[in-house]
Amino acid sequence: MKHRLHLSLLLSLLPSLLLSLQCYDKCNIVTSFTYGVDPDDWAENSLMDRVSDKNKACTKDQIKECEDSEVCLSYDVAASANIEIHPDLDEEGGISKVVSQEGHMGFTINFCGPATYTAVPPSHCDEWATSLTDEFQKERGSLFTVSDVETTCSQVTVCDSGDCLAGGVTIYTALPLLITTLIYILL
């Protein structure tokens, strides 16, 4: 009887001991890059082909097992700015004249954090505008000149599926120890 009690206790704890959720942490994905005032024109004016593939998806290096008190979280950033596209720097030859329009970028931010984190502080959202301005200014020879960046951030959501989870559930290395303990209890 005593062994059955130990066994049922161990089996009830087994899922939480063996399984762990892996998330993409500190992963920022560019989801859209376009220009134009009318949202109906944004698909036609997409500049996503100019965005490096490394900025369009998370990498294996960004996979993290969140701490016990953390969950996988995600939020979106929408940025708008004045954008000028210079045809003389366009190596792909797709732009033939200077385009000066309203530009738009979208990002998805994935990270591990406390489940109570539901809103991005306005100061943190404003930091995205500063960061984007700095990044565009750093790129020497870029065909884009960007100014007057403004950002808005969505609510933070807990990820239970989709792009912010890095392959879902994995088995801990503690499995051999648990099997040995189970055998000991049964004997």
Protein backbone atom coordinates (compact mmCIF):
# COMPACT_ATOMS: atom_id res chain seq x y z
CA MET A 1 0.00 0.00 0.00
CA LYS A 2 2.83 2.36 0.92
CA HIS A 3 4.47 1.75 -2.47
CA ARG A 4 1.23 2.57 -4.27
CA LEU A 5 1.02 5.88 -2.43
CA HIS A 6 4.60 6.73 -3.45
CA LEU A 7 3.89 5.64 -7.01
CA SER A 8 0.70 7.69 -7.33
CA LEU A 9 2.45 10.74 -5.87
CA LEU A 10 5.36 10.36 -8.28
CA LEU A 11 3.08 9.83 -11.27
CA SER A 12 1.01 12.90 -10.37
CA LEU A 13 4.19 15.02 -10.30
CA LEU A 14 5.71 13.43 -13.38
CA PRO A 15 4.26 15.77 -16.04
CA SER A 16 5.46 18.93 -14.30
CA LEU A 17 8.89 17.43 -13.62
CA LEU A 18 9.48 16.10 -17.10
CA LEU A 19 7.98 18.66 -19.39
CA SER A 20 9.13 22.17 -20.07
CA LEU A 21 7.90 24.88 -22.40
CA GLN A 22 10.55 26.48 -24.58
CA CYS A 23 10.07 29.98 -25.92
CA TYR A 24 11.81 32.34 -28.27
CA ASP A 25 13.33 34.92 -25.94
CA LYS A 26 14.50 38.38 -26.97
CA CYS A 27 13.34 37.69 -30.51
CA ASN A 28 12.16 40.66 -32.57
CA ILE A 29 10.65 39.81 -35.96
CA VAL A 30 9.96 42.33 -38.72
CA THR A 31 6.43 41.48 -39.91
CA SER A 32 5.82 44.34 -42.34
CA PHE A 33 7.70 47.14 -44.10
CA THR A 34 5.86 49.29 -46.58
CA TYR A 35 5.03 52.85 -47.55
CA GLY A 36 1.99 54.90 -48.51
CA VAL A 37 -0.80 56.76 -46.79
CA ASP A 38 -3.61 54.43 -47.87
CA PRO A 39 -3.53 50.99 -46.16
CA ASP A 40 -5.02 49.54 -49.36
CA ASP A 41 -1.71 50.33 -51.10
CA TRP A 42 0.55 48.79 -48.46
CA ALA A 43 0.64 45.30 -49.98
CA GLU A 44 1.57 46.71 -53.40
CA ASN A 45 4.24 48.95 -51.84
CA SER A 46 5.75 46.26 -49.64
CA LEU A 47 9.48 46.51 -48.99
CA MET A 48 9.72 43.19 -47.14
CA ASP A 49 11.96 41.83 -49.90
CA ARG A 50 14.52 44.45 -48.72
CA VAL A 51 14.44 43.08 -45.14
CA SER A 52 17.12 40.52 -44.34
CA ASP A 53 15.84 36.97 -43.75
CA LYS A 54 17.58 36.95 -40.35
CA ASN A 55 15.15 39.71 -39.26
CA LYS A 56 12.05 37.81 -40.37
CA ALA A 57 12.27 34.79 -38.05
CA CYS A 58 13.59 33.74 -34.67
CA THR A 59 16.71 31.57 -34.48
CA LYS A 60 17.70 28.50 -32.46
CA ASP A 61 20.04 30.74 -30.44
CA GLN A 62 16.99 32.59 -29.12
CA ILE A 63 15.32 29.51 -27.68
CA LYS A 64 15.10 29.70 -23.91
CA GLU A 65 13.43 27.77 -21.18
CA CYS A 66 11.66 30.42 -19.15
CA GLU A 67 12.15 30.53 -15.39
CA ASP A 68 9.51 28.91 -13.17
CA SER A 69 7.85 32.27 -12.51
CA GLU A 70 7.85 33.24 -16.22
CA VAL A 71 5.73 32.48 -19.27
CA CYS A 72 6.14 33.05 -23.02
CA LEU A 73 4.96 36.54 -23.89
CA SER A 74 4.51 38.49 -27.10
CA TYR A 75 3.46 41.94 -28.27
CA ASP A 76 3.39 43.89 -31.52
CA VAL A 77 4.99 47.21 -32.33
CA ALA A 78 3.62 49.40 -35.14
CA ALA A 79 5.93 52.15 -36.37
CA SER A 80 5.25 54.97 -38.78
CA ALA A 81 7.75 57.50 -40.12
CA ASN A 82 8.59 59.78 -42.99
CA ILE A 83 10.56 57.65 -45.41
CA GLU A 84 12.52 58.67 -48.46
CA ILE A 85 13.71 56.00 -50.86
CA HIS A 86 16.67 56.94 -53.05
CA PRO A 87 16.77 55.20 -56.47
CA ASP A 88 20.48 55.89 -56.99
CA LEU A 89 21.22 53.49 -54.09
CA ASP A 90 18.80 50.79 -55.27
CA GLU A 91 21.05 47.95 -56.46
CA GLU A 92 18.05 45.80 -57.36
CA GLY A 93 16.75 48.42 -59.79
CA GLY A 94 13.14 48.28 -58.62
CA ILE A 95 12.84 51.97 -57.79
CA SER A 96 13.30 54.56 -60.55
CA LYS A 97 12.52 57.86 -58.77
CA VAL A 98 12.81 59.33 -55.29
CA VAL A 99 9.85 58.19 -53.21
CA SER A 100 8.98 60.38 -50.24
CA GLN A 101 6.05 58.90 -48.36
CA GLU A 102 4.76 57.81 -45.01
CA GLY A 103 6.49 54.54 -44.12
CA HIS A 104 5.20 51.73 -41.92
CA MET A 105 6.95 48.87 -40.12
CA GLY A 106 5.53 46.14 -37.95
CA PHE A 107 7.35 43.95 -35.44
CA THR A 108 6.47 41.09 -33.15
CA ILE A 109 8.44 40.90 -29.92
CA ASN A 110 8.76 37.53 -28.15
CA PHE A 111 10.26 37.07 -24.68
CA CYS A 112 10.07 35.30 -21.33
CA GLY A 113 8.51 37.37 -18.57
CA PRO A 114 6.08 37.38 -15.65
CA ALA A 115 2.47 36.44 -16.41
CA THR A 116 1.42 39.72 -14.77
CA TYR A 117 3.15 41.73 -17.53
CA THR A 118 0.15 42.68 -19.66
CA ALA A 119 0.97 46.17 -20.95
CA VAL A 120 4.11 47.69 -22.44
CA PRO A 121 4.98 50.87 -20.51
CA PRO A 122 4.68 53.96 -22.76
CA SER A 123 8.33 54.86 -22.11
CA HIS A 124 9.42 51.42 -23.33
CA CYS A 125 7.26 51.74 -26.44
CA ASP A 126 8.83 55.16 -27.11
CA GLU A 127 12.28 53.53 -26.91
CA TRP A 128 11.37 51.58 -30.05
CA ALA A 129 11.04 54.87 -31.96
CA THR A 130 14.48 56.01 -30.79
CA SER A 131 16.02 52.63 -31.55
CA LEU A 132 14.55 52.51 -35.07
CA THR A 133 15.78 56.02 -35.83
CA ASP A 134 19.28 55.08 -34.62
CA GLU A 135 19.35 51.84 -36.61
CA PHE A 136 18.38 53.51 -39.89
CA GLN A 137 20.99 56.23 -39.34
CA LYS A 138 23.70 53.59 -38.74
CA GLU A 139 23.14 51.88 -42.09
CA ARG A 140 25.60 53.54 -44.41
CA GLY A 141 24.57 53.37 -48.04
CA SER A 142 20.98 52.45 -47.19
CA LEU A 143 18.50 53.45 -49.81
CA PHE A 144 16.14 54.61 -47.01
CA THR A 145 16.22 57.89 -45.13
CA VAL A 146 13.90 57.76 -42.14
CA SER A 147 12.72 60.58 -39.86
CA ASP A 148 9.96 61.39 -37.36
CA VAL A 149 9.46 57.80 -36.16
CA GLU A 150 6.41 57.17 -33.96
CA THR A 151 5.50 53.83 -32.37
CA THR A 152 2.53 52.19 -30.71
CA CYS A 153 2.58 48.89 -28.85
CA SER A 154 -0.17 46.31 -28.49
CA GLN A 155 -1.21 44.58 -25.30
CA VAL A 156 1.11 41.81 -24.14
CA THR A 157 -0.31 38.32 -24.67
CA VAL A 158 0.67 34.98 -23.21
CA CYS A 159 1.70 32.60 -25.95
CA ASP A 160 0.14 29.18 -25.98
CA SER A 161 0.88 28.37 -29.59
CA GLY A 162 2.31 29.94 -32.70
CA ASP A 163 5.51 31.71 -33.58
CA CYS A 164 6.66 32.63 -30.07
CA LEU A 165 6.92 29.02 -28.91
CA ALA A 166 10.10 27.23 -29.85
CA GLY A 167 8.87 23.74 -30.59
CA GLY A 168 6.59 23.42 -27.59
CA VAL A 169 7.24 20.83 -24.94
CA THR A 170 10.57 19.03 -24.34
CA ILE A 171 11.70 16.38 -21.90
CA TYR A 172 14.17 17.33 -19.19
CA THR A 173 17.41 15.45 -18.67
CA ALA A 174 16.04 14.40 -15.26
CA LEU A 175 14.18 11.51 -16.90
CA PRO A 176 16.85 8.86 -16.00
CA LEU A 177 16.79 9.99 -12.35
CA LEU A 178 12.99 9.74 -12.21
CA ILE A 179 12.99 6.27 -13.76
CA THR A 180 15.63 5.10 -11.27
CA THR A 181 13.55 6.52 -8.39
CA LEU A 182 10.44 4.79 -9.69
CA ILE A 183 12.23 1.44 -9.89
CA TYR A 184 13.57 1.93 -6.33
CA ILE A 185 10.06 2.64 -5.01
CA LEU A 186 8.61 -0.39 -6.74
CA LEU A 187 11.25 -2.77 -5.37
